[in-house]
């Protein structure tokens, strides 16, 4: 678990670099170790990013598309990273585990 806390390491790092299997394993490890706060924080970042992507796309649809100043390679990379977040946000296991983490977090809070 200490490895997942290192800078430039962990589930979101894996997701952004296209290591989907490592992302799944890291999320599974966090879930199985019952680190509910960590799991919910990562899931929240994924969902916030997806919402942000949706808002950006809506804004672009209402405006004339122009040059944002980013290079073509940078734009392409950003599109790929955004697609990875979109795919991750649609994973059934992520949603089920979010619900489990919330439930277990509430049970833990009730016991304290």
PDB file of N, CA and C in Angstrom:
ATOM      1  N   UNK A   1       0.815  -1.196   0.000  1.00  0.00           N
ATOM      2  CA  UNK A   1       0.000   0.000   0.000  1.00  0.00           C
ATOM      3  C   UNK A   1       0.861   1.263   0.000  1.00  0.00           C
ATOM      4  N   UNK A   2       2.058   1.172   0.562  1.00  0.00           N
ATOM      5  CA  UNK A   2       2.925   2.342   0.595  1.00  0.00           C
ATOM      6  C   UNK A   2       3.331   2.765  -0.814  1.00  0.00           C
ATOM      7  N   UNK A   3       3.473   1.790  -1.696  1.00  0.00           N
ATOM      8  CA  UNK A   3       3.837   2.109  -3.076  1.00  0.00           C
ATOM      9  C   UNK A   3       2.777   2.974  -3.748  1.00  0.00           C
ATOM     10  N   UNK A   4       1.514   2.713  -3.445  1.00  0.00           N
ATOM     11  CA  UNK A   4       0.426   3.458  -4.078  1.00  0.00           C
ATOM     12  C   UNK A   4       0.375   4.906  -3.619  1.00  0.00           C
ATOM     13  N   UNK A   5       1.036   5.208  -2.508  1.00  0.00           N
ATOM     14  CA  UNK A   5       1.036   6.574  -1.984  1.00  0.00           C
ATOM     15  C   UNK A   5       2.217   7.406  -2.493  1.00  0.00           C
ATOM     16  N   UNK A   6       3.131   6.777  -3.218  1.00  0.00           N
ATOM     17  CA  UNK A   6       4.284   7.510  -3.732  1.00  0.00           C
ATOM     18  C   UNK A   6       3.860   8.510  -4.800  1.00  0.00           C
ATOM     19  N   UNK A   7       4.609   9.616  -4.929  1.00  0.00           N
ATOM     20  CA  UNK A   7       4.296  10.577  -6.002  1.00  0.00           C
ATOM     21  C   UNK A   7       4.477   9.913  -7.372  1.00  0.00           C
ATOM     22  N   UNK A   8       3.665  10.313  -8.308  1.00  0.00           N
ATOM     23  CA  UNK A   8       3.696   9.756  -9.666  1.00  0.00           C
ATOM     24  C   UNK A   8       3.512   8.243  -9.663  1.00  0.00           C
ATOM     25  N   UNK A   9       2.670   7.778  -8.803  1.00  0.00           N
ATOM     26  CA  UNK A   9       2.394   6.352  -8.693  1.00  0.00           C
ATOM     27  C   UNK A   9       0.964   6.223  -8.202  1.00  0.00           C
ATOM     28  N   UNK A  10       0.355   5.120  -8.414  1.00  0.00           N
ATOM     29  CA  UNK A  10      -0.987   4.894  -7.907  1.00  0.00           C
ATOM     30  C   UNK A  10      -2.008   4.773  -9.016  1.00  0.00           C
ATOM     31  N   UNK A  11      -3.247   4.507  -8.647  1.00  0.00           N
ATOM     32  CA  UNK A  11      -4.293   4.216  -9.631  1.00  0.00           C
ATOM     33  C   UNK A  11      -4.497   5.294 -10.688  1.00  0.00           C
ATOM     34  N   UNK A  12      -4.559   6.558 -10.282  1.00  0.00           N
ATOM     35  CA  UNK A  12      -4.796   7.607 -11.265  1.00  0.00           C
ATOM     36  C   UNK A  12      -3.602   7.772 -12.207  1.00  0.00           C
ATOM     37  N   UNK A  13      -2.415   7.593 -11.682  1.00  0.00           N
ATOM     38  CA  UNK A  13      -1.219   7.639 -12.525  1.00  0.00           C
ATOM     39  C   UNK A  13      -1.274   6.508 -13.559  1.00  0.00           C
ATOM     40  N   UNK A  14      -1.641   5.325 -13.111  1.00  0.00           N
ATOM     41  CA  UNK A  14      -1.744   4.183 -14.012  1.00  0.00           C
ATOM     42  C   UNK A  14      -2.814   4.434 -15.076  1.00  0.00           C
ATOM     43  N   UNK A  15      -3.945   4.962 -14.643  1.00  0.00           N
ATOM     44  CA  UNK A  15      -5.048   5.232 -15.564  1.00  0.00           C
ATOM     45  C   UNK A  15      -4.629   6.229 -16.643  1.00  0.00           C
ATOM     46  N   UNK A  16      -3.988   7.301 -16.245  1.00  0.00           N
ATOM     47  CA  UNK A  16      -3.605   8.342 -17.194  1.00  0.00           C
ATOM     48  C   UNK A  16      -2.546   7.880 -18.186  1.00  0.00           C
ATOM     49  N   UNK A  17      -1.758   6.895 -17.804  1.00  0.00           N
ATOM     50  CA  UNK A  17      -0.714   6.400 -18.694  1.00  0.00           C
ATOM     51  C   UNK A  17      -1.133   5.171 -19.482  1.00  0.00           C
ATOM     52  N   UNK A  18      -2.377   4.767 -19.326  1.00  0.00           N
ATOM     53  CA  UNK A  18      -2.907   3.672 -20.121  1.00  0.00           C
ATOM     54  C   UNK A  18      -2.642   2.291 -19.562  1.00  0.00           C
ATOM     55  N   UNK A  19      -2.212   2.206 -18.316  1.00  0.00           N
ATOM     56  CA  UNK A  19      -1.978   0.916 -17.685  1.00  0.00           C
ATOM     57  C   UNK A  19      -3.264   0.461 -16.994  1.00  0.00           C
ATOM     58  N   UNK A  20      -4.243   0.058 -17.797  1.00  0.00           N
ATOM     59  CA  UNK A  20      -5.563  -0.260 -17.249  1.00  0.00           C
ATOM     60  C   UNK A  20      -5.528  -1.465 -16.310  1.00  0.00           C
ATOM     61  N   UNK A  21      -4.702  -2.441 -16.599  1.00  0.00           N
ATOM     62  CA  UNK A  21      -4.627  -3.607 -15.713  1.00  0.00           C
ATOM     63  C   UNK A  21      -4.029  -3.216 -14.364  1.00  0.00           C
ATOM     64  N   UNK A  22      -2.985  -2.379 -14.374  1.00  0.00           N
ATOM     65  CA  UNK A  22      -2.392  -1.903 -13.123  1.00  0.00           C
ATOM     66  C   UNK A  22      -3.395  -1.036 -12.356  1.00  0.00           C
ATOM     67  N   UNK A  23      -4.174  -0.236 -13.077  1.00  0.00           N
ATOM     68  CA  UNK A  23      -5.224   0.569 -12.439  1.00  0.00           C
ATOM     69  C   UNK A  23      -6.227  -0.343 -11.728  1.00  0.00           C
ATOM     70  N   UNK A  24      -6.685  -1.386 -12.426  1.00  0.00           N
ATOM     71  CA  UNK A  24      -7.649  -2.316 -11.835  1.00  0.00           C
ATOM     72  C   UNK A  24      -7.076  -3.021 -10.607  1.00  0.00           C
ATOM     73  N   UNK A  25      -5.826  -3.457 -10.693  1.00  0.00           N
ATOM     74  CA  UNK A  25      -5.184  -4.145  -9.565  1.00  0.00           C
ATOM     75  C   UNK A  25      -5.032  -3.200  -8.376  1.00  0.00           C
ATOM     76  N   UNK A  26      -4.610  -1.965  -8.630  1.00  0.00           N
ATOM     77  CA  UNK A  26      -4.441  -0.993  -7.549  1.00  0.00           C
ATOM     78  C   UNK A  26      -5.777  -0.687  -6.871  1.00  0.00           C
ATOM     79  N   UNK A  27      -6.822  -0.495  -7.669  1.00  0.00           N
ATOM     80  CA  UNK A  27      -8.146  -0.229  -7.095  1.00  0.00           C
ATOM     81  C   UNK A  27      -8.640  -1.436  -6.306  1.00  0.00           C
ATOM     82  N   UNK A  28      -8.378  -2.624  -6.823  1.00  0.00           N
ATOM     83  CA  UNK A  28      -8.772  -3.851  -6.133  1.00  0.00           C
ATOM     84  C   UNK A  28      -8.032  -3.981  -4.798  1.00  0.00           C
ATOM     85  N   UNK A  29      -6.757  -3.646  -4.798  1.00  0.00           N
ATOM     86  CA  UNK A  29      -5.963  -3.708  -3.570  1.00  0.00           C
ATOM     87  C   UNK A  29      -6.488  -2.721  -2.523  1.00  0.00           C
ATOM     88  N   UNK A  30      -6.787  -1.522  -2.947  1.00  0.00           N
ATOM     89  CA  UNK A  30      -7.331  -0.516  -2.024  1.00  0.00           C
ATOM     90  C   UNK A  30      -8.674  -0.979  -1.469  1.00  0.00           C
ATOM     91  N   UNK A  31      -9.508  -1.557  -2.344  1.00  0.00           N
ATOM     92  CA  UNK A  31     -10.823  -2.028  -1.921  1.00  0.00           C
ATOM     93  C   UNK A  31     -10.686  -3.174  -0.919  1.00  0.00           C
ATOM     94  N   UNK A  32      -9.862  -4.151  -1.257  1.00  0.00           N
ATOM     95  CA  UNK A  32      -9.723  -5.337  -0.393  1.00  0.00           C
ATOM     96  C   UNK A  32      -9.042  -5.021   0.928  1.00  0.00           C
ATOM     97  N   UNK A  33      -8.253  -3.947   0.963  1.00  0.00           N
ATOM     98  CA  UNK A  33      -7.628  -3.562   2.222  1.00  0.00           C
ATOM     99  C   UNK A  33      -8.546  -2.644   3.041  1.00  0.00           C
ATOM    100  N   UNK A  34      -9.754  -2.444   2.535  1.00  0.00           N
ATOM    101  CA  UNK A  34     -10.802  -1.688   3.227  1.00  0.00           C
ATOM    102  C   UNK A  34     -10.382  -0.250   3.530  1.00  0.00           C
ATOM    103  N   UNK A  35      -9.693   0.355   2.588  1.00  0.00           N
ATOM    104  CA  UNK A  35      -9.317   1.764   2.726  1.00  0.00           C
ATOM    105  C   UNK A  35     -10.382   2.590   2.017  1.00  0.00           C
ATOM    106  N   UNK A  36     -11.533   2.697   2.673  1.00  0.00           N
ATOM    107  CA  UNK A  36     -12.725   3.288   2.065  1.00  0.00           C
ATOM    108  C   UNK A  36     -12.519   4.747   1.693  1.00  0.00           C
ATOM    109  N   UNK A  37     -11.865   5.499   2.571  1.00  0.00           N
ATOM    110  CA  UNK A  37     -11.638   6.916   2.264  1.00  0.00           C
ATOM    111  C   UNK A  37     -10.794   7.074   1.003  1.00  0.00           C
ATOM    112  N   UNK A  38      -9.747   6.277   0.897  1.00  0.00           N
ATOM    113  CA  UNK A  38      -8.884   6.343  -0.286  1.00  0.00           C
ATOM    114  C   UNK A  38      -9.645   5.942  -1.538  1.00  0.00           C
ATOM    115  N   UNK A  39     -10.433   4.879  -1.442  1.00  0.00           N
ATOM    116  CA  UNK A  39     -11.190   4.409  -2.602  1.00  0.00           C
ATOM    117  C   UNK A  39     -12.174   5.479  -3.060  1.00  0.00           C
ATOM    118  N   UNK A  40     -12.893   6.059  -2.119  1.00  0.00           N
ATOM    119  CA  UNK A  40     -13.873   7.080  -2.466  1.00  0.00           C
ATOM    120  C   UNK A  40     -13.209   8.341  -3.007  1.00  0.00           C
ATOM    121  N   UNK A  41     -12.034   8.690  -2.492  1.00  0.00           N
ATOM    122  CA  UNK A  41     -11.317   9.863  -2.992  1.00  0.00           C
ATOM    123  C   UNK A  41     -10.909   9.666  -4.455  1.00  0.00           C
ATOM    124  N   UNK A  42     -10.391   8.500  -4.782  1.00  0.00           N
ATOM    125  CA  UNK A  42      -9.972   8.217  -6.163  1.00  0.00           C
ATOM    126  C   UNK A  42     -11.190   8.177  -7.080  1.00  0.00           C
ATOM    127  N   UNK A  43     -12.247   7.495  -6.648  1.00  0.00           N
ATOM    128  CA  UNK A  43     -13.469   7.422  -7.451  1.00  0.00           C
ATOM    129  C   UNK A  43     -14.044   8.816  -7.671  1.00  0.00           C
ATOM    130  N   UNK A  44     -13.998   9.649  -6.633  1.00  0.00           N
ATOM    131  CA  UNK A  44     -14.499  11.019  -6.746  1.00  0.00           C
ATOM    132  C   UNK A  44     -13.691  11.806  -7.773  1.00  0.00           C
ATOM    133  N   UNK A  45     -12.380  11.635  -7.782  1.00  0.00           N
ATOM    134  CA  UNK A  45     -11.539  12.332  -8.767  1.00  0.00           C
ATOM    135  C   UNK A  45     -11.877  11.888 -10.185  1.00  0.00           C
ATOM    136  N   UNK A  46     -12.139  10.603 -10.352  1.00  0.00           N
ATOM    137  CA  UNK A  46     -12.512  10.087 -11.676  1.00  0.00           C
ATOM    138  C   UNK A  46     -13.826  10.716 -12.121  1.00  0.00           C
ATOM    139  N   UNK A  47     -14.810  10.699 -11.245  1.00  0.00           N
ATOM    140  CA  UNK A  47     -16.124  11.229 -11.603  1.00  0.00           C
ATOM    141  C   UNK A  47     -16.079  12.744 -11.813  1.00  0.00           C
ATOM    142  N   UNK A  48     -15.305  13.460 -11.002  1.00  0.00           N
ATOM    143  CA  UNK A  48     -15.169  14.903 -11.203  1.00  0.00           C
ATOM    144  C   UNK A  48     -14.532  15.207 -12.554  1.00  0.00           C
ATOM    145  N   UNK A  49     -13.550  14.421 -12.925  1.00  0.00           N
ATOM    146  CA  UNK A  49     -12.883  14.622 -14.217  1.00  0.00           C
ATOM    147  C   UNK A  49     -13.861  14.386 -15.362  1.00  0.00           C
ATOM    148  N   UNK A  50     -14.685  13.347 -15.241  1.00  0.00           N
ATOM    149  CA  UNK A  50     -15.657  13.036 -16.293  1.00  0.00           C
ATOM    150  C   UNK A  50     -16.700  14.149 -16.402  1.00  0.00           C
ATOM    151  N   UNK A  51     -17.147  14.665 -15.280  1.00  0.00           N
ATOM    152  CA  UNK A  51     -18.104  15.778 -15.296  1.00  0.00           C
ATOM    153  C   UNK A  51     -17.460  17.001 -15.949  1.00  0.00           C
ATOM    154  N   UNK A  52     -16.207  17.264 -15.613  1.00  0.00           N
ATOM    155  CA  UNK A  52     -15.485  18.375 -16.208  1.00  0.00           C
ATOM    156  C   UNK A  52     -15.359  18.217 -17.719  1.00  0.00           C
ATOM    157  N   UNK A  53     -15.074  16.998 -18.157  1.00  0.00           N
ATOM    158  CA  UNK A  53     -14.979  16.717 -19.596  1.00  0.00           C
ATOM    159  C   UNK A  53     -16.312  17.007 -20.269  1.00  0.00           C
ATOM    160  N   UNK A  54     -17.397  16.579 -19.643  1.00  0.00           N
ATOM    161  CA  UNK A  54     -18.728  16.825 -20.197  1.00  0.00           C
ATOM    162  C   UNK A  54     -19.044  18.306 -20.287  1.00  0.00           C
ATOM    163  N   UNK A  55     -18.660  19.055 -19.267  1.00  0.00           N
ATOM    164  CA  UNK A  55     -18.896  20.502 -19.284  1.00  0.00           C
ATOM    165  C   UNK A  55     -18.054  21.191 -20.351  1.00  0.00           C
ATOM    166  N   UNK A  56     -16.807  20.742 -20.515  1.00  0.00           N
ATOM    167  CA  UNK A  56     -15.952  21.313 -21.555  1.00  0.00           C
ATOM    168  C   UNK A  56     -16.526  21.034 -22.938  1.00  0.00           C
ATOM    169  N   UNK A  57     -17.013  19.812 -23.131  1.00  0.00           N
ATOM    170  CA  UNK A  57     -17.594  19.457 -24.433  1.00  0.00           C
ATOM    171  C   UNK A  57     -18.852  20.270 -24.712  1.00  0.00           C
ATOM    172  N   UNK A  58     -19.652  20.514 -23.690  1.00  0.00           N
ATOM    173  CA  UNK A  58     -20.860  21.316 -23.871  1.00  0.00           C
ATOM    174  C   UNK A  58     -20.500  22.755 -24.229  1.00  0.00           C
ATOM    175  N   UNK A  59     -19.469  23.278 -23.572  1.00  0.00           N
ATOM    176  CA  UNK A  59     -19.041  24.651 -23.865  1.00  0.00           C
ATOM    177  C   UNK A  59     -18.500  24.758 -25.282  1.00  0.00           C
ATOM    178  N   UNK A  60     -17.762  23.765 -25.718  1.00  0.00           N
ATOM    179  CA  UNK A  60     -17.214  23.769 -27.073  1.00  0.00           C
ATOM    180  C   UNK A  60     -18.314  23.684 -28.120  1.00  0.00           C
ATOM    181  N   UNK A  61     -19.378  22.969 -27.797  1.00  0.00           N
ATOM    182  CA  UNK A  61     -20.480  22.816 -28.749  1.00  0.00           C
ATOM    183  C   UNK A  61     -21.213  24.132 -28.974  1.00  0.00           C
ATOM    184  N   UNK A  62     -21.202  25.007 -27.967  1.00  0.00           N
ATOM    185  CA  UNK A  62     -21.913  26.274 -28.101  1.00  0.00           C
ATOM    186  C   UNK A  62     -21.024  27.391 -28.630  1.00  0.00           C
ATOM    187  N   UNK A  63     -19.719  27.142 -28.691  1.00  0.00           N
ATOM    188  CA  UNK A  63     -18.782  28.152 -29.176  1.00  0.00           C
ATOM    189  C   UNK A  63     -18.205  27.728 -30.514  1.00  0.00           C
ATOM    190  N   UNK A  64     -17.669  28.697 -31.199  1.00  0.00           N
ATOM    191  CA  UNK A  64     -16.953  28.382 -32.425  1.00  0.00           C
ATOM    192  C   UNK A  64     -15.633  27.735 -32.035  1.00  0.00           C
ATOM    193  N   UNK A  65     -15.336  26.590 -32.636  1.00  0.00           N
ATOM    194  CA  UNK A  65     -14.097  25.904 -32.317  1.00  0.00           C
ATOM    195  C   UNK A  65     -12.925  26.703 -32.864  1.00  0.00           C
ATOM    196  N   UNK A  66     -11.993  26.993 -31.994  1.00  0.00           N
ATOM    197  CA  UNK A  66     -10.811  27.744 -32.381  1.00  0.00           C
ATOM    198  C   UNK A  66      -9.589  27.118 -31.770  1.00  0.00           C
ATOM    199  N   UNK A  67      -8.457  27.686 -32.049  1.00  0.00           N
ATOM    200  CA  UNK A  67      -7.206  27.176 -31.514  1.00  0.00           C
ATOM    201  C   UNK A  67      -7.102  27.559 -30.050  1.00  0.00           C
ATOM    202  N   UNK A  68      -6.842  26.577 -29.182  1.00  0.00           N
ATOM    203  CA  UNK A  68      -6.703  26.831 -27.753  1.00  0.00           C
ATOM    204  C   UNK A  68      -5.269  27.134 -27.380  1.00  0.00           C
ATOM    205  N   UNK A  69      -4.370  27.111 -28.366  1.00  0.00           N
ATOM    206  CA  UNK A  69      -2.971  27.380 -28.087  1.00  0.00           C
ATOM    207  C   UNK A  69      -2.165  26.135 -27.790  1.00  0.00           C
ATOM    208  N   UNK A  70      -2.818  24.998 -27.611  1.00  0.00           N
ATOM    209  CA  UNK A  70      -2.103  23.763 -27.323  1.00  0.00           C
ATOM    210  C   UNK A  70      -1.640  23.127 -28.624  1.00  0.00           C
ATOM    211  N   UNK A  71      -0.511  22.459 -28.541  1.00  0.00           N
ATOM    212  CA  UNK A  71       0.009  21.805 -29.743  1.00  0.00           C
ATOM    213  C   UNK A  71      -0.857  20.608 -30.103  1.00  0.00           C
ATOM    214  N   UNK A  72      -0.750  20.151 -31.332  1.00  0.00           N
ATOM    215  CA  UNK A  72      -1.534  19.007 -31.789  1.00  0.00           C
ATOM    216  C   UNK A  72      -1.254  17.759 -30.985  1.00  0.00           C
ATOM    217  N   UNK A  73       0.011  17.504 -30.651  1.00  0.00           N
ATOM    218  CA  UNK A  73       0.376  16.326 -29.869  1.00  0.00           C
ATOM    219  C   UNK A  73      -0.198  16.417 -28.461  1.00  0.00           C
ATOM    220  N   UNK A  74      -0.159  17.613 -27.869  1.00  0.00           N
ATOM    221  CA  UNK A  74      -0.700  17.806 -26.525  1.00  0.00           C
ATOM    222  C   UNK A  74      -2.215  17.606 -26.515  1.00  0.00           C
ATOM    223  N   UNK A  75      -2.885  18.121 -27.538  1.00  0.00           N
ATOM    224  CA  UNK A  75      -4.341  17.936 -27.639  1.00  0.00           C
ATOM    225  C   UNK A  75      -4.681  16.464 -27.773  1.00  0.00           C
ATOM    226  N   UNK A  76      -3.929  15.775 -28.609  1.00  0.00           N
ATOM    227  CA  UNK A  76      -4.170  14.348 -28.832  1.00  0.00           C
ATOM    228  C   UNK A  76      -3.973  13.562 -27.539  1.00  0.00           C
ATOM    229  N   UNK A  77      -2.907  13.893 -26.801  1.00  0.00           N
ATOM    230  CA  UNK A  77      -2.649  13.224 -25.523  1.00  0.00           C
ATOM    231  C   UNK A  77      -3.793  13.489 -24.542  1.00  0.00           C
ATOM    232  N   UNK A  78      -4.259  14.737 -24.493  1.00  0.00           N
ATOM    233  CA  UNK A  78      -5.350  15.078 -23.570  1.00  0.00           C
ATOM    234  C   UNK A  78      -6.629  14.333 -23.934  1.00  0.00           C
ATOM    235  N   UNK A  79      -6.902  14.181 -25.214  1.00  0.00           N
ATOM    236  CA  UNK A  79      -8.082  13.434 -25.651  1.00  0.00           C
ATOM    237  C   UNK A  79      -7.980  11.972 -25.213  1.00  0.00           C
ATOM    238  N   UNK A  80      -6.797  11.397 -25.348  1.00  0.00           N
ATOM    239  CA  UNK A  80      -6.587  10.002 -24.945  1.00  0.00           C
ATOM    240  C   UNK A  80      -6.778   9.840 -23.441  1.00  0.00           C
ATOM    241  N   UNK A  81      -6.202  10.745 -22.650  1.00  0.00           N
ATOM    242  CA  UNK A  81      -6.351  10.684 -21.190  1.00  0.00           C
ATOM    243  C   UNK A  81      -7.827  10.836 -20.814  1.00  0.00           C
ATOM    244  N   UNK A  82      -8.528  11.778 -21.443  1.00  0.00           N
ATOM    245  CA  UNK A  82      -9.950  11.964 -21.164  1.00  0.00           C
ATOM    246  C   UNK A  82     -10.746  10.699 -21.483  1.00  0.00           C
ATOM    247  N   UNK A  83     -10.403  10.030 -22.582  1.00  0.00           N
ATOM    248  CA  UNK A  83     -11.090   8.788 -22.938  1.00  0.00           C
ATOM    249  C   UNK A  83     -10.864   7.717 -21.879  1.00  0.00           C
ATOM    250  N   UNK A  84      -9.665   7.655 -21.323  1.00  0.00           N
ATOM    251  CA  UNK A  84      -9.372   6.668 -20.275  1.00  0.00           C
ATOM    252  C   UNK A  84     -10.219   6.927 -19.039  1.00  0.00           C
ATOM    253  N   UNK A  85     -10.363   8.197 -18.678  1.00  0.00           N
ATOM    254  CA  UNK A  85     -11.226   8.526 -17.535  1.00  0.00           C
ATOM    255  C   UNK A  85     -12.677   8.159 -17.825  1.00  0.00           C
ATOM    256  N   UNK A  86     -13.125   8.408 -19.038  1.00  0.00           N
ATOM    257  CA  UNK A  86     -14.497   8.070 -19.409  1.00  0.00           C
ATOM    258  C   UNK A  86     -14.726   6.563 -19.299  1.00  0.00           C
ATOM    259  N   UNK A  87     -13.785   5.789 -19.787  1.00  0.00           N
ATOM    260  CA  UNK A  87     -13.907   4.329 -19.709  1.00  0.00           C
ATOM    261  C   UNK A  87     -13.926   3.879 -18.253  1.00  0.00           C
ATOM    262  N   UNK A  88     -13.030   4.426 -17.448  1.00  0.00           N
ATOM    263  CA  UNK A  88     -12.976   4.051 -16.031  1.00  0.00           C
ATOM    264  C   UNK A  88     -14.273   4.405 -15.315  1.00  0.00           C
ATOM    265  N   UNK A  89     -14.877   5.529 -15.675  1.00  0.00           N
ATOM    266  CA  UNK A  89     -16.110   5.945 -14.997  1.00  0.00           C
ATOM    267  C   UNK A  89     -17.296   5.057 -15.345  1.00  0.00           C
ATOM    268  N   UNK A  90     -17.189   4.302 -16.421  1.00  0.00           N
ATOM    269  CA  UNK A  90     -18.282   3.422 -16.838  1.00  0.00           C
ATOM    270  C   UNK A  90     -18.144   2.002 -16.321  1.00  0.00           C
ATOM    271  N   UNK A  91     -17.072   1.720 -15.614  1.00  0.00           N
ATOM    272  CA  UNK A  91     -16.847   0.369 -15.117  1.00  0.00           C
ATOM    273  C   UNK A  91     -17.863   0.021 -14.035  1.00  0.00           C
ATOM    274  N   UNK A  92     -18.539  -1.083 -14.242  1.00  0.00           N
ATOM    275  CA  UNK A  92     -19.540  -1.555 -13.291  1.00  0.00           C
ATOM    276  C   UNK A  92     -18.915  -1.780 -11.920  1.00  0.00           C
ATOM    277  N   UNK A  93     -17.720  -2.359 -11.883  1.00  0.00           N
ATOM    278  CA  UNK A  93     -17.077  -2.653 -10.603  1.00  0.00           C
ATOM    279  C   UNK A  93     -16.781  -1.372  -9.822  1.00  0.00           C
ATOM    280  N   UNK A  94     -16.426  -0.289 -10.513  1.00  0.00           N
ATOM    281  CA  UNK A  94     -16.180   0.978  -9.823  1.00  0.00           C
ATOM    282  C   UNK A  94     -17.450   1.443  -9.112  1.00  0.00           C
ATOM    283  N   UNK A  95     -18.568   1.405  -9.798  1.00  0.00           N
ATOM    284  CA  UNK A  95     -19.830   1.862  -9.211  1.00  0.00           C
ATOM    285  C   UNK A  95     -20.263   0.975  -8.047  1.00  0.00           C
ATOM    286  N   UNK A  96     -20.127  -0.329  -8.208  1.00  0.00           N
ATOM    287  CA  UNK A  96     -20.517  -1.233  -7.122  1.00  0.00           C
ATOM    288  C   UNK A  96     -19.629  -1.032  -5.902  1.00  0.00           C
ATOM    289  N   UNK A  97     -18.358  -0.843  -6.149  1.00  0.00           N
ATOM    290  CA  UNK A  97     -17.433  -0.651  -5.027  1.00  0.00           C
ATOM    291  C   UNK A  97     -17.596   0.728  -4.392  1.00  0.00           C
ATOM    292  N   UNK A  98     -17.996   1.720  -5.144  1.00  0.00           N
ATOM    293  CA  UNK A  98     -18.315   3.019  -4.542  1.00  0.00           C
ATOM    294  C   UNK A  98     -19.461   2.843  -3.551  1.00  0.00           C
ATOM    295  N   UNK A  99     -20.477   2.127  -3.976  1.00  0.00           N
ATOM    296  CA  UNK A  99     -21.613   1.882  -3.074  1.00  0.00           C
ATOM    297  C   UNK A  99     -21.183   1.081  -1.854  1.00  0.00           C
ATOM    298  N   UNK A 100     -20.365   0.048  -2.057  1.00  0.00           N
ATOM    299  CA  UNK A 100     -19.860  -0.735  -0.929  1.00  0.00           C
ATOM    300  C   UNK A 100     -19.038   0.126   0.016  1.00  0.00           C
ATOM    301  N   UNK A 101     -18.138   0.936  -0.546  1.00  0.00           N
ATOM    302  CA  UNK A 101     -17.286   1.781   0.281  1.00  0.00           C
ATOM    303  C   UNK A 101     -18.122   2.759   1.105  1.00  0.00           C
ATOM    304  N   UNK A 102     -19.159   3.316   0.493  1.00  0.00           N
ATOM    305  CA  UNK A 102     -20.056   4.218   1.236  1.00  0.00           C
ATOM    306  C   UNK A 102     -20.752   3.475   2.364  1.00  0.00           C
ATOM    307  N   UNK A 103     -21.238   2.296   2.047  1.00  0.00           N
ATOM    308  CA  UNK A 103     -21.942   1.494   3.059  1.00  0.00           C
ATOM    309  C   UNK A 103     -21.000   1.126   4.206  1.00  0.00           C
ATOM    310  N   UNK A 104     -19.806   0.640   3.881  1.00  0.00           N
ATOM    311  CA  UNK A 104     -18.848   0.263   4.923  1.00  0.00           C
ATOM    312  C   UNK A 104     -18.369   1.473   5.716  1.00  0.00           C
ATOM    313  N   UNK A 105     -18.239   2.596   5.039  1.00  0.00           N
ATOM    314  CA  UNK A 105     -17.834   3.821   5.737  1.00  0.00           C
ATOM    315  C   UNK A 105     -18.912   4.231   6.740  1.00  0.00           C
ATOM    316  N   UNK A 106     -20.172   4.137   6.333  1.00  0.00           N
ATOM    317  CA  UNK A 106     -21.268   4.458   7.257  1.00  0.00           C
ATOM    318  C   UNK A 106     -21.307   3.498   8.433  1.00  0.00           C
ATOM    319  N   UNK A 107     -21.098   2.215   8.174  1.00  0.00           N
ATOM    320  CA  UNK A 107     -21.064   1.229   9.269  1.00  0.00           C
ATOM    321  C   UNK A 107     -19.919   1.513  10.217  1.00  0.00           C
ATOM    322  N   UNK A 108     -18.768   1.877   9.678  1.00  0.00           N
ATOM    323  CA  UNK A 108     -17.611   2.189  10.508  1.00  0.00           C
ATOM    324  C   UNK A 108     -17.889   3.411  11.369  1.00  0.00           C
ATOM    325  N   UNK A 109     -18.517   4.428  10.769  1.00  0.00           N
ATOM    326  CA  UNK A 109     -18.849   5.640  11.502  1.00  0.00           C
ATOM    327  C   UNK A 109     -19.854   5.357  12.619  1.00  0.00           C
ATOM    328  N   UNK A 110     -20.809   4.457  12.360  1.00  0.00           N
ATOM    329  CA  UNK A 110     -21.800   4.105  13.376  1.00  0.00           C
ATOM    330  C   UNK A 110     -21.180   3.374  14.546  1.00  0.00           C
ATOM    331  N   UNK A 111     -20.149   2.596  14.284  1.00  0.00           N
ATOM    332  CA  UNK A 111     -19.501   1.825  15.344  1.00  0.00           C
ATOM    333  C   UNK A 111     -18.614   2.701  16.225  1.00  0.00           C
ATOM    334  N   UNK A 112     -18.193   3.840  15.715  1.00  0.00           N
ATOM    335  CA  UNK A 112     -17.305   4.723  16.485  1.00  0.00           C
ATOM    336  C   UNK A 112     -18.050   5.590  17.413  1.00  0.00           C
TER     337      UNK A 112
END
